[in-house]
Amino acid sequence: MSALGVEARLAARIMRQLSGEVRNNVLRRLARRLRDDAPAILSANADDLSESRRNGASTAVLDRLALDGNRIEAMARGIDEIAELPDPVGRVLAQWRRPNGLDISRVATPIGVIGIIYESRPNVTADAAALCLKSGNVCILRGGSEAIRTNGAIHDAIASVLAQSELPASAVGLVRNTDRAVVGHMLAGLDGALDLIIPRGGKSLVARVQAEARVPVLAHLEGICHVYVHVKADPAKACAIALNAKMRRTGVCGAAETLLIDREVLSGVGVAVLRELRDAGCEIRGDDSVRAVLPASKAATEEDWRTEYLDAIIAVKAVDGVEDAIGHIETFGSHHTESIITEDAATAERFLAALDSAIVMWNASTQFADGGEFGMGAEIGIGTGKLHARGPVGVEQLTTFKYVVRGVGQVRP
């Protein structure tokens, strides 16, 4: 692991100096290679899925792990889209001239070496590599043991493209050792080689990284996302958005986990929404008011308001207006993604302004909380902290900045 860190640091010197054109050409080759290597990747994925099933993996884990032709094409298409994005490196963020003639610029620059620790999702291997390559960074990837074969097959494609492009293999490193002690070495910083760690996985993984890391961490702990059906919600929109936000893919961090419904419309549009969810196979855990209009629902406890299910389960509560909804979200939310469904613009703007979550939405599914859907091509994760990056972490968020000062011989008196 120490050698991997040294090699990554050396590669970072090369990567930060590459032109945007060179980096984009590498990405285009990688997209083509993923398409060409799809059979090998799918074969490796089938072996990972078989072993995970034998080990009793949950439906949510299997969904995150599984690849098919469409998902591989989505990975490749995302890389092509990243290649077409403006170059994030070298952007002049600000520029000014001092009275003494010094010309000062604040310029975007790669962060350096980024360690990415993730579980289940093999698409992260391709997404993270592409985003780091685009932004001039080097990455060291450590995926979950359940996807070890799939990650290896995807990394083989990346390594082949790096060699073809005459770039160092260590520009994208993959830790193929499944020993959990490896994570400890990364959290310690690999003897100063790592500049940033990004964890992407379950609550226990992220909590460990945040507790033990000796280098900066960019992460979100949970995705407790809310959908709020306001008294002036359009019934058709309410049903469609709530159903999609919960059930499109239950295992993603943008899936809605709590549904708030104005008490005034609970017996009308509220029941319609609840029936849509129930008929789609979603388990409903409601408060007393919800259970009164849908007796088949289970009783919710306070713990349900704090739970990220990542499954076909949703907690439902009746609220008394937008302020009550905002108060509930601020108390129990994780500052990830919240959506209001209403035709009242003033109420919507109040909701959007009042909440401190990384992503706030009006009349849209929380499942749009995704870098690809934001036009970023892909993302490494969703940041919910207050510093550096919030929301989808794409290429611009993987840069920092430096000050470039140009003079003509000035000395300080």
Foldseek 3Di string as FASTA:
>chain_A
DLVLLVLQQVLLVVLQPDDLVLLLVLLLQLLVLLLVLVVQLQVLLVVLLVVCVVVPHDPLLSVQQDDDNVNSNLLSQLSNLLSPDPQLFFDFPDWDADPVGKTKTKTWTFLEEEEEEEERHLSLLSQVLSQQSSLSYAYEYEYAPSSLRSNVSSLVSSLVSCVVSVGDSSSYHYDSDNPPVVVVCVLAPSVVSHQEYEYYYALVVVVCSVVRHPHHYFYFRAQAEEEEEFPAFDLVLLQVQLQCLCPVQLQDSLRHAEYEYALVCCLPSVVVNVVSLVVVPAAEAEDPSNCVNVVVHHHDDPVSLQDSPSDRYHYYYHAHGLVRVQVSCVVRPRLAEYEYGHPDPVSQVVNVVSDNHLYYYYSHHSVCQFCVSVSQSGASHAGGDDPQDGGGHGNNSSIDIDMDIDDDDDDDD
